[in-house]
Amino acid sequence: PTPAGRRLVSAYRLAGGHAYQISVRRRIAFDRRHALSGRACAVCVEIGVIVFCLLVVGLMVLLVESEPMRKERESAGVALTGFVAILIVATCALAAIALRRMVRRWRAASSTIFTSEV
């Protein structure tokens, strides 16, 4: 659908000189043409890669904050530690934005549009 079609919530249909309101809804269809399609599965793989990268970043934070790494942390200085912290926060923020977009893409690939008169 076009961007205007994605924003469509309701519309009207004329029949016999009368206007009838039409409701447009999206529903996820778990079949081969929608949720199990190649496009939807590819998006799921991308989501998995981003989640895996976030887990690796979290593991790195736990490793750096561990007691055996205390000496190296102190020798690196506050500036370097702050810079790494900024990079970690930026990585998590960008990953959250990417995950949101990926979930939207999956919903678009795996849903079908239903119309009904109100």
C-alpha atoms as a PDB file:
ATOM      1  CA  PRO A   1       0.000   0.000   0.000  1.00  0.00           C
ATOM      2  CA  THR A   2       0.948   3.586  -0.501  1.00  0.00           C
ATOM      3  CA  PRO A   3       1.869   5.804   2.476  1.00  0.00           C
ATOM      4  CA  ALA A   4      -1.561   7.408   2.227  1.00  0.00           C
ATOM      5  CA  GLY A   5      -3.156   3.952   2.251  1.00  0.00           C
ATOM      6  CA  ARG A   6      -1.290   3.013   5.423  1.00  0.00           C
ATOM      7  CA  ARG A   7      -2.766   6.009   7.243  1.00  0.00           C
ATOM      8  CA  LEU A   8      -6.305   5.280   6.080  1.00  0.00           C
ATOM      9  CA  VAL A   9      -8.498   4.498   9.066  1.00  0.00           C
ATOM     10  CA  SER A  10     -11.963   4.890   7.619  1.00  0.00           C
ATOM     11  CA  ALA A  11     -13.583   5.839   4.337  1.00  0.00           C
ATOM     12  CA  TYR A  12     -17.024   6.197   2.806  1.00  0.00           C
ATOM     13  CA  ARG A  13     -18.724   4.297   0.013  1.00  0.00           C
ATOM     14  CA  LEU A  14     -21.636   5.579  -2.022  1.00  0.00           C
ATOM     15  CA  ALA A  15     -24.361   3.074  -2.870  1.00  0.00           C
ATOM     16  CA  GLY A  16     -27.853   3.944  -3.983  1.00  0.00           C
ATOM     17  CA  GLY A  17     -27.311   7.613  -3.217  1.00  0.00           C
ATOM     18  CA  HIS A  18     -26.403   6.884   0.408  1.00  0.00           C
ATOM     19  CA  ALA A  19     -22.998   7.176   2.029  1.00  0.00           C
ATOM     20  CA  TYR A  20     -21.843   4.210   4.113  1.00  0.00           C
ATOM     21  CA  GLN A  21     -18.808   4.404   6.355  1.00  0.00           C
ATOM     22  CA  ILE A  22     -16.191   1.746   5.697  1.00  0.00           C
ATOM     23  CA  SER A  23     -13.762   0.601   8.364  1.00  0.00           C
ATOM     24  CA  VAL A  24     -10.280  -0.486   7.265  1.00  0.00           C
ATOM     25  CA  ARG A  25      -8.337  -2.822   9.587  1.00  0.00           C
ATOM     26  CA  ARG A  26      -5.049  -4.663   9.436  1.00  0.00           C
ATOM     27  CA  ARG A  27      -4.713  -8.152  10.836  1.00  0.00           C
ATOM     28  CA  ILE A  28      -1.728 -10.438  10.934  1.00  0.00           C
ATOM     29  CA  ALA A  29      -2.278 -13.512   8.781  1.00  0.00           C
ATOM     30  CA  PHE A  30      -0.161 -16.507   9.787  1.00  0.00           C
ATOM     31  CA  ASP A  31       0.057 -18.188   6.393  1.00  0.00           C
ATOM     32  CA  ARG A  32       2.649 -18.674   3.626  1.00  0.00           C
ATOM     33  CA  ARG A  33       1.686 -15.506   1.772  1.00  0.00           C
ATOM     34  CA  HIS A  34       1.984 -13.213   4.790  1.00  0.00           C
ATOM     35  CA  ALA A  35       3.698 -14.014   8.119  1.00  0.00           C
ATOM     36  CA  LEU A  36       5.627 -16.970   6.669  1.00  0.00           C
ATOM     37  CA  SER A  37       6.620 -15.235   3.428  1.00  0.00           C
ATOM     38  CA  GLY A  38      10.224 -14.731   2.444  1.00  0.00           C
ATOM     39  CA  ARG A  39      10.071 -11.013   3.152  1.00  0.00           C
ATOM     40  CA  ALA A  40       8.565 -11.489   6.627  1.00  0.00           C
ATOM     41  CA  CYS A  41      11.088 -14.201   7.495  1.00  0.00           C
ATOM     42  CA  ALA A  42      13.975 -12.005   6.294  1.00  0.00           C
ATOM     43  CA  VAL A  43      12.774  -9.224   8.587  1.00  0.00           C
ATOM     44  CA  CYS A  44      12.624 -11.733  11.463  1.00  0.00           C
ATOM     45  CA  VAL A  45      16.258 -12.667  10.784  1.00  0.00           C
ATOM     46  CA  GLU A  46      17.208  -8.959  10.833  1.00  0.00           C
ATOM     47  CA  ILE A  47      15.397  -8.541  14.150  1.00  0.00           C
ATOM     48  CA  GLY A  48      17.300 -11.547  15.508  1.00  0.00           C
ATOM     49  CA  VAL A  49      20.637 -10.062  14.407  1.00  0.00           C
ATOM     50  CA  ILE A  50      19.880  -6.751  16.129  1.00  0.00           C
ATOM     51  CA  VAL A  51      18.796  -8.505  19.335  1.00  0.00           C
ATOM     52  CA  PHE A  52      21.962 -10.623  19.233  1.00  0.00           C
ATOM     53  CA  CYS A  53      24.096  -7.484  18.838  1.00  0.00           C
ATOM     54  CA  LEU A  54      22.339  -5.897  21.817  1.00  0.00           C
ATOM     55  CA  LEU A  55      23.043  -9.014  23.880  1.00  0.00           C
ATOM     56  CA  VAL A  56      26.720  -8.842  22.911  1.00  0.00           C
ATOM     57  CA  VAL A  57      26.862  -5.171  23.940  1.00  0.00           C
ATOM     58  CA  GLY A  58      25.249  -6.057  27.270  1.00  0.00           C
ATOM     59  CA  LEU A  59      27.753  -8.868  27.766  1.00  0.00           C
ATOM     60  CA  MET A  60      30.584  -6.452  26.997  1.00  0.00           C
ATOM     61  CA  VAL A  61      29.279  -4.027  29.627  1.00  0.00           C
ATOM     62  CA  LEU A  62      29.150  -6.821  32.200  1.00  0.00           C
ATOM     63  CA  LEU A  63      32.684  -7.858  31.282  1.00  0.00           C
ATOM     64  CA  VAL A  64      34.088  -4.328  31.500  1.00  0.00           C
ATOM     65  CA  GLU A  65      32.352  -3.710  34.848  1.00  0.00           C
ATOM     66  CA  SER A  66      33.698  -6.955  36.339  1.00  0.00           C
ATOM     67  CA  GLU A  67      36.251  -6.963  39.166  1.00  0.00           C
ATOM     68  CA  PRO A  68      39.159  -8.385  37.090  1.00  0.00           C
ATOM     69  CA  MET A  69      38.836  -5.435  34.671  1.00  0.00           C
ATOM     70  CA  ARG A  70      38.893  -2.790  37.440  1.00  0.00           C
ATOM     71  CA  LYS A  71      42.626  -2.127  37.066  1.00  0.00           C
ATOM     72  CA  GLU A  72      42.350  -1.615  33.290  1.00  0.00           C
ATOM     73  CA  ARG A  73      39.318   0.651  33.749  1.00  0.00           C
ATOM     74  CA  GLU A  74      41.163   2.869  36.200  1.00  0.00           C
ATOM     75  CA  SER A  75      44.254   3.068  33.987  1.00  0.00           C
ATOM     76  CA  ALA A  76      42.144   4.042  30.958  1.00  0.00           C
ATOM     77  CA  GLY A  77      40.945   7.211  32.642  1.00  0.00           C
ATOM     78  CA  VAL A  78      37.606   8.922  32.969  1.00  0.00           C
ATOM     79  CA  ALA A  79      37.593  10.415  29.463  1.00  0.00           C
ATOM     80  CA  LEU A  80      37.930   7.074  27.690  1.00  0.00           C
ATOM     81  CA  THR A  81      35.427   5.397  30.002  1.00  0.00           C
ATOM     82  CA  GLY A  82      32.929   8.217  29.363  1.00  0.00           C
ATOM     83  CA  PHE A  83      33.476   7.960  25.619  1.00  0.00           C
ATOM     84  CA  VAL A  84      32.796   4.219  25.676  1.00  0.00           C
ATOM     85  CA  ALA A  85      29.673   4.842  27.772  1.00  0.00           C
ATOM     86  CA  ILE A  86      28.420   7.366  25.193  1.00  0.00           C
ATOM     87  CA  LEU A  87      29.050   4.835  22.409  1.00  0.00           C
ATOM     88  CA  ILE A  88      27.135   2.152  24.304  1.00  0.00           C
ATOM     89  CA  VAL A  89      24.163   4.464  24.902  1.00  0.00           C
ATOM     90  CA  ALA A  90      24.170   5.535  21.235  1.00  0.00           C
ATOM     91  CA  THR A  91      24.318   1.908  20.112  1.00  0.00           C
ATOM     92  CA  CYS A  92      21.354   0.967  22.302  1.00  0.00           C
ATOM     93  CA  ALA A  93      19.322   3.982  21.137  1.00  0.00           C
ATOM     94  CA  LEU A  94      19.965   3.280  17.463  1.00  0.00           C
ATOM     95  CA  ALA A  95      19.216  -0.411  17.963  1.00  0.00           C
ATOM     96  CA  ALA A  96      15.886   0.492  19.580  1.00  0.00           C
ATOM     97  CA  ILE A  97      15.000   2.697  16.600  1.00  0.00           C
ATOM     98  CA  ALA A  98      16.024  -0.049  14.189  1.00  0.00           C
ATOM     99  CA  LEU A  99      13.987  -2.645  16.096  1.00  0.00           C
ATOM    100  CA  ARG A 100      10.925  -0.410  15.947  1.00  0.00           C
ATOM    101  CA  ARG A 101      11.308  -0.055  12.181  1.00  0.00           C
ATOM    102  CA  MET A 102      11.874  -3.777  11.729  1.00  0.00           C
ATOM    103  CA  VAL A 103       8.745  -4.637  13.701  1.00  0.00           C
ATOM    104  CA  ARG A 104       6.762  -2.211  11.541  1.00  0.00           C
ATOM    105  CA  ARG A 105       8.171  -3.837   8.402  1.00  0.00           C
ATOM    106  CA  TRP A 106       7.263  -7.278   9.714  1.00  0.00           C
ATOM    107  CA  ARG A 107       3.721  -6.136  10.493  1.00  0.00           C
ATOM    108  CA  ALA A 108       3.386  -4.694   6.984  1.00  0.00           C
ATOM    109  CA  ALA A 109       4.724  -7.878   5.383  1.00  0.00           C
ATOM    110  CA  SER A 110       2.655 -10.256   7.477  1.00  0.00           C
ATOM    111  CA  SER A 111      -0.688  -8.504   7.643  1.00  0.00           C
ATOM    112  CA  THR A 112      -3.661  -8.302   5.384  1.00  0.00           C
ATOM    113  CA  ILE A 113      -6.172  -5.483   5.082  1.00  0.00           C
ATOM    114  CA  PHE A 114      -9.854  -6.024   5.865  1.00  0.00           C
ATOM    115  CA  THR A 115     -12.635  -3.616   4.988  1.00  0.00           C
ATOM    116  CA  SER A 116     -16.131  -3.678   6.426  1.00  0.00           C
ATOM    117  CA  GLU A 117     -19.125  -1.389   6.591  1.00  0.00           C
ATOM    118  CA  VAL A 118     -19.746   0.231   9.935  1.00  0.00           C
END
